[in-house]
Amino acid sequence: MSSKPDKGGMSTNVPKGVTLTERNPYTELTIIQKQYVEARLQGLGKMAAMRAAGSTNTALENNPKVRAAIRYLVEQSMTNVEELTKSDVLTGMMDAVGAAATASELVMAWREIGKLIGAYEPERKILEIRDYSADELKMLPDKDLAKLAGDEMREVIDAEFHELESEEA
């Protein structure tokens, strides 16, 4: 057993390996205050949250207990997000598969699962960069010139080639 001071400066006997947990201010709220806090955490504005809680008290937001509960719950939700694992995300995606209403939603959910578990081979693209001389370009067939120009779909009917003189000459 070790002795640790509590918030009032008094020491308490706490067994080794046991940590004191932070008190949850949400549990100390009234029902209306809890409903207000829940509405605010769902993204409602102050007045909308007040109506959702069934209250006419415009001072709810400024109540120290309400503010402490909101702050505490936001901090807790951020902690939970930081503790997400790959397994948690996979479970959530499997829930999305079950909740998919359309084939598109189902395909998107499975695609994300595939990415998460590494089911797809990485895309490999080979780029060939070649610097053609003017003489080489003159010798290329029209189809190859069109391919170089990025216009493979259209057939080249007629073309002219002119070599530009450099400015240094």
C-alpha atoms as a PDB file:
ATOM      1  CA  MET A   1       0.000   0.000   0.000  1.00  0.00           C
ATOM      2  CA  SER A   2       1.220   3.476  -0.803  1.00  0.00           C
ATOM      3  CA  SER A   3       0.059   6.798   0.477  1.00  0.00           C
ATOM      4  CA  LYS A   4      -1.092   9.364  -2.103  1.00  0.00           C
ATOM      5  CA  PRO A   5      -2.468  12.821  -1.398  1.00  0.00           C
ATOM      6  CA  ASP A   6      -6.020  13.396  -2.594  1.00  0.00           C
ATOM      7  CA  LYS A   7      -7.359  16.696  -3.990  1.00  0.00           C
ATOM      8  CA  GLY A   8      -7.856  18.129  -0.518  1.00  0.00           C
ATOM      9  CA  GLY A   9      -4.214  17.468   0.409  1.00  0.00           C
ATOM     10  CA  MET A  10      -5.092  14.511   2.603  1.00  0.00           C
ATOM     11  CA  SER A  11      -3.270  11.265   1.982  1.00  0.00           C
ATOM     12  CA  THR A  12      -5.178   8.079   1.238  1.00  0.00           C
ATOM     13  CA  ASN A  13      -3.997   4.486   1.257  1.00  0.00           C
ATOM     14  CA  VAL A  14      -4.093   3.166  -2.295  1.00  0.00           C
ATOM     15  CA  PRO A  15      -2.977  -0.377  -3.111  1.00  0.00           C
ATOM     16  CA  LYS A  16       0.021  -0.620  -5.446  1.00  0.00           C
ATOM     17  CA  GLY A  17      -0.930  -0.872  -9.098  1.00  0.00           C
ATOM     18  CA  VAL A  18      -4.306   0.785  -8.534  1.00  0.00           C
ATOM     19  CA  THR A  19      -4.759   4.279  -9.917  1.00  0.00           C
ATOM     20  CA  LEU A  20      -7.448   6.657  -8.852  1.00  0.00           C
ATOM     21  CA  THR A  21      -9.835   7.468 -11.676  1.00  0.00           C
ATOM     22  CA  GLU A  22     -11.027  10.900 -12.561  1.00  0.00           C
ATOM     23  CA  ARG A  23     -14.543  11.737 -11.449  1.00  0.00           C
ATOM     24  CA  ASN A  24     -17.117  12.036 -14.264  1.00  0.00           C
ATOM     25  CA  PRO A  25     -18.961  15.357 -13.881  1.00  0.00           C
ATOM     26  CA  TYR A  26     -21.735  14.124 -16.211  1.00  0.00           C
ATOM     27  CA  THR A  27     -23.028  11.809 -13.481  1.00  0.00           C
ATOM     28  CA  GLU A  28     -23.666  14.805 -11.209  1.00  0.00           C
ATOM     29  CA  LEU A  29     -26.046  16.548 -13.621  1.00  0.00           C
ATOM     30  CA  THR A  30     -29.818  16.710 -13.462  1.00  0.00           C
ATOM     31  CA  ILE A  31     -31.833  14.966 -16.176  1.00  0.00           C
ATOM     32  CA  ILE A  32     -32.442  18.244 -18.035  1.00  0.00           C
ATOM     33  CA  GLN A  33     -28.749  19.146 -17.826  1.00  0.00           C
ATOM     34  CA  LYS A  34     -27.800  15.694 -19.150  1.00  0.00           C
ATOM     35  CA  GLN A  35     -30.223  16.050 -22.060  1.00  0.00           C
ATOM     36  CA  TYR A  36     -28.794  19.500 -22.789  1.00  0.00           C
ATOM     37  CA  VAL A  37     -25.208  18.180 -22.743  1.00  0.00           C
ATOM     38  CA  GLU A  38     -26.129  15.277 -25.026  1.00  0.00           C
ATOM     39  CA  ALA A  39     -27.825  17.631 -27.482  1.00  0.00           C
ATOM     40  CA  ARG A  40     -24.798  19.958 -27.505  1.00  0.00           C
ATOM     41  CA  LEU A  41     -22.460  17.001 -28.114  1.00  0.00           C
ATOM     42  CA  GLN A  42     -24.630  15.961 -31.058  1.00  0.00           C
ATOM     43  CA  GLY A  43     -23.925  19.354 -32.614  1.00  0.00           C
ATOM     44  CA  LEU A  44     -27.038  21.327 -31.735  1.00  0.00           C
ATOM     45  CA  GLY A  45     -26.720  25.031 -30.978  1.00  0.00           C
ATOM     46  CA  LYS A  46     -27.388  26.440 -27.514  1.00  0.00           C
ATOM     47  CA  MET A  47     -31.047  27.313 -28.118  1.00  0.00           C
ATOM     48  CA  ALA A  48     -31.815  24.089 -30.005  1.00  0.00           C
ATOM     49  CA  ALA A  49     -30.159  22.037 -27.259  1.00  0.00           C
ATOM     50  CA  MET A  50     -32.161  23.914 -24.651  1.00  0.00           C
ATOM     51  CA  ARG A  51     -35.403  23.090 -26.511  1.00  0.00           C
ATOM     52  CA  ALA A  52     -34.299  19.443 -26.952  1.00  0.00           C
ATOM     53  CA  ALA A  53     -33.794  19.219 -23.196  1.00  0.00           C
ATOM     54  CA  GLY A  54     -37.277  20.642 -22.631  1.00  0.00           C
ATOM     55  CA  SER A  55     -35.929  23.645 -20.762  1.00  0.00           C
ATOM     56  CA  THR A  56     -36.471  27.384 -20.880  1.00  0.00           C
ATOM     57  CA  ASN A  57     -33.343  28.087 -18.821  1.00  0.00           C
ATOM     58  CA  THR A  58     -31.057  30.124 -21.074  1.00  0.00           C
ATOM     59  CA  ALA A  59     -28.234  29.896 -18.528  1.00  0.00           C
ATOM     60  CA  LEU A  60     -27.679  26.149 -19.020  1.00  0.00           C
ATOM     61  CA  GLU A  61     -24.571  26.678 -21.169  1.00  0.00           C
ATOM     62  CA  ASN A  62     -22.942  28.855 -18.493  1.00  0.00           C
ATOM     63  CA  ASN A  63     -23.600  26.426 -15.653  1.00  0.00           C
ATOM     64  CA  PRO A  64     -20.164  25.286 -14.355  1.00  0.00           C
ATOM     65  CA  LYS A  65     -21.340  21.679 -13.969  1.00  0.00           C
ATOM     66  CA  VAL A  66     -22.662  21.601 -17.543  1.00  0.00           C
ATOM     67  CA  ARG A  67     -19.469  23.145 -18.913  1.00  0.00           C
ATOM     68  CA  ALA A  68     -17.352  20.662 -16.948  1.00  0.00           C
ATOM     69  CA  ALA A  69     -19.433  17.734 -18.245  1.00  0.00           C
ATOM     70  CA  ILE A  70     -19.142  18.908 -21.863  1.00  0.00           C
ATOM     71  CA  ARG A  71     -15.388  19.409 -21.510  1.00  0.00           C
ATOM     72  CA  TYR A  72     -14.959  16.019 -19.842  1.00  0.00           C
ATOM     73  CA  LEU A  73     -16.998  14.121 -22.440  1.00  0.00           C
ATOM     74  CA  VAL A  74     -15.211  15.826 -25.346  1.00  0.00           C
ATOM     75  CA  GLU A  75     -11.840  14.923 -23.821  1.00  0.00           C
ATOM     76  CA  GLN A  76     -13.002  11.332 -23.311  1.00  0.00           C
ATOM     77  CA  SER A  77     -14.181  11.042 -26.912  1.00  0.00           C
ATOM     78  CA  MET A  78     -10.818  12.348 -28.152  1.00  0.00           C
ATOM     79  CA  THR A  79      -9.026   9.785 -26.005  1.00  0.00           C
ATOM     80  CA  ASN A  80     -11.187   7.034 -27.462  1.00  0.00           C
ATOM     81  CA  VAL A  81     -10.379   8.152 -31.012  1.00  0.00           C
ATOM     82  CA  GLU A  82      -6.662   8.006 -30.243  1.00  0.00           C
ATOM     83  CA  GLU A  83      -7.078   4.430 -29.003  1.00  0.00           C
ATOM     84  CA  LEU A  84      -8.758   3.164 -32.198  1.00  0.00           C
ATOM     85  CA  THR A  85      -7.098   0.128 -33.652  1.00  0.00           C
ATOM     86  CA  LYS A  86      -7.134  -1.420 -37.099  1.00  0.00           C
ATOM     87  CA  SER A  87      -9.512  -4.021 -35.686  1.00  0.00           C
ATOM     88  CA  ASP A  88     -11.925  -1.294 -34.526  1.00  0.00           C
ATOM     89  CA  VAL A  89     -11.951   0.262 -37.987  1.00  0.00           C
ATOM     90  CA  LEU A  90     -12.466  -3.141 -39.604  1.00  0.00           C
ATOM     91  CA  THR A  91     -15.391  -3.839 -37.272  1.00  0.00           C
ATOM     92  CA  GLY A  92     -16.915  -0.482 -38.201  1.00  0.00           C
ATOM     93  CA  MET A  93     -16.517  -1.193 -41.895  1.00  0.00           C
ATOM     94  CA  MET A  94     -18.166  -4.599 -41.465  1.00  0.00           C
ATOM     95  CA  ASP A  95     -21.067  -2.790 -39.781  1.00  0.00           C
ATOM     96  CA  ALA A  96     -21.234  -0.529 -42.848  1.00  0.00           C
ATOM     97  CA  VAL A  97     -21.424  -3.613 -45.071  1.00  0.00           C
ATOM     98  CA  GLY A  98     -24.394  -4.833 -43.040  1.00  0.00           C
ATOM     99  CA  ALA A  99     -26.088  -1.441 -43.162  1.00  0.00           C
ATOM    100  CA  ALA A 100     -25.500  -0.798 -46.886  1.00  0.00           C
ATOM    101  CA  ALA A 101     -28.772   0.047 -48.582  1.00  0.00           C
ATOM    102  CA  THR A 102     -27.512   0.043 -52.164  1.00  0.00           C
ATOM    103  CA  ALA A 103     -25.053  -1.957 -54.194  1.00  0.00           C
ATOM    104  CA  SER A 104     -22.845   1.144 -54.513  1.00  0.00           C
ATOM    105  CA  GLU A 105     -22.616   1.537 -50.742  1.00  0.00           C
ATOM    106  CA  LEU A 106     -21.813  -2.151 -50.380  1.00  0.00           C
ATOM    107  CA  VAL A 107     -19.047  -1.977 -52.990  1.00  0.00           C
ATOM    108  CA  MET A 108     -17.557   1.130 -51.351  1.00  0.00           C
ATOM    109  CA  ALA A 109     -17.543  -0.530 -47.933  1.00  0.00           C
ATOM    110  CA  TRP A 110     -15.888  -3.683 -49.276  1.00  0.00           C
ATOM    111  CA  ARG A 111     -13.330  -1.585 -51.194  1.00  0.00           C
ATOM    112  CA  GLU A 112     -12.329   0.166 -47.972  1.00  0.00           C
ATOM    113  CA  ILE A 113     -12.086  -3.172 -46.170  1.00  0.00           C
ATOM    114  CA  GLY A 114      -9.865  -4.476 -48.967  1.00  0.00           C
ATOM    115  CA  LYS A 115      -7.569  -1.461 -48.624  1.00  0.00           C
ATOM    116  CA  LEU A 116      -7.464  -1.829 -44.850  1.00  0.00           C
ATOM    117  CA  ILE A 117      -6.457  -5.477 -44.917  1.00  0.00           C
ATOM    118  CA  GLY A 118      -3.990  -4.989 -47.788  1.00  0.00           C
ATOM    119  CA  ALA A 119      -5.876  -7.143 -50.275  1.00  0.00           C
ATOM    120  CA  TYR A 120      -4.861  -5.036 -53.253  1.00  0.00           C
ATOM    121  CA  GLU A 121      -1.510  -5.154 -54.965  1.00  0.00           C
ATOM    122  CA  PRO A 122       0.121  -1.762 -55.217  1.00  0.00           C
ATOM    123  CA  GLU A 123      -0.323  -0.204 -58.618  1.00  0.00           C
ATOM    124  CA  ARG A 124       2.855  -0.249 -60.634  1.00  0.00           C
ATOM    125  CA  LYS A 125       3.322   1.983 -63.617  1.00  0.00           C
ATOM    126  CA  ILE A 126       6.396   2.050 -65.753  1.00  0.00           C
ATOM    127  CA  LEU A 127       7.142   5.352 -67.396  1.00  0.00           C
ATOM    128  CA  GLU A 128       9.508   5.458 -70.298  1.00  0.00           C
ATOM    129  CA  ILE A 129      10.935   8.864 -70.942  1.00  0.00           C
ATOM    130  CA  ARG A 130      12.801   9.260 -74.168  1.00  0.00           C
ATOM    131  CA  ASP A 131      14.155  12.352 -75.816  1.00  0.00           C
ATOM    132  CA  TYR A 132      13.687  11.981 -79.565  1.00  0.00           C
ATOM    133  CA  SER A 133      15.854  13.888 -81.997  1.00  0.00           C
ATOM    134  CA  ALA A 134      14.261  15.667 -84.939  1.00  0.00           C
ATOM    135  CA  ASP A 135      15.525  12.988 -87.319  1.00  0.00           C
ATOM    136  CA  GLU A 136      14.032  10.213 -85.179  1.00  0.00           C
ATOM    137  CA  LEU A 137      10.662  11.985 -85.097  1.00  0.00           C
ATOM    138  CA  LYS A 138      10.713  12.292 -88.891  1.00  0.00           C
ATOM    139  CA  MET A 139      11.177   8.527 -89.152  1.00  0.00           C
ATOM    140  CA  LEU A 140       8.341   7.548 -86.775  1.00  0.00           C
ATOM    141  CA  PRO A 141       5.096   6.288 -88.323  1.00  0.00           C
ATOM    142  CA  ASP A 142       1.985   8.449 -87.854  1.00  0.00           C
ATOM    143  CA  LYS A 143       0.486   6.100 -85.267  1.00  0.00           C
ATOM    144  CA  ASP A 144       3.579   6.356 -83.058  1.00  0.00           C
ATOM    145  CA  LEU A 145       3.606  10.158 -83.404  1.00  0.00           C
ATOM    146  CA  ALA A 146      -0.042  10.240 -82.364  1.00  0.00           C
ATOM    147  CA  LYS A 147       0.771   8.029 -79.401  1.00  0.00           C
ATOM    148  CA  LEU A 148       3.573  10.393 -78.331  1.00  0.00           C
ATOM    149  CA  ALA A 149       1.182  13.328 -78.654  1.00  0.00           C
ATOM    150  CA  GLY A 150      -1.297  11.514 -76.397  1.00  0.00           C
ATOM    151  CA  ASP A 151      -3.879  11.307 -79.128  1.00  0.00           C
ATOM    152  CA  GLU A 152      -4.164   7.566 -79.720  1.00  0.00           C
ATOM    153  CA  MET A 153      -7.891   7.585 -80.361  1.00  0.00           C
ATOM    154  CA  ARG A 154      -7.869   9.732 -83.487  1.00  0.00           C
ATOM    155  CA  GLU A 155      -6.205   8.666 -86.666  1.00  0.00           C
ATOM    156  CA  VAL A 156      -3.716  11.135 -88.106  1.00  0.00           C
ATOM    157  CA  ILE A 157      -4.614  11.835 -91.701  1.00  0.00           C
ATOM    158  CA  ASP A 158      -1.895  14.294 -92.651  1.00  0.00           C
ATOM    159  CA  ALA A 159       0.790  16.162 -90.759  1.00  0.00           C
ATOM    160  CA  GLU A 160       3.814  18.324 -91.412  1.00  0.00           C
ATOM    161  CA  PHE A 161       6.953  18.554 -89.378  1.00  0.00           C
ATOM    162  CA  HIS A 162       9.132  21.677 -89.180  1.00  0.00           C
ATOM    163  CA  GLU A 163      12.306  21.882 -87.182  1.00  0.00           C
ATOM    164  CA  LEU A 164      12.627  25.153 -85.284  1.00  0.00           C
ATOM    165  CA  GLU A 165      15.948  26.881 -85.190  1.00  0.00           C
ATOM    166  CA  SER A 166      17.306  27.455 -81.738  1.00  0.00           C
ATOM    167  CA  GLU A 167      17.746  31.006 -80.485  1.00  0.00           C
ATOM    168  CA  GLU A 168      21.448  30.427 -79.820  1.00  0.00           C
ATOM    169  CA  ALA A 169      22.306  30.074 -83.504  1.00  0.00           C
END
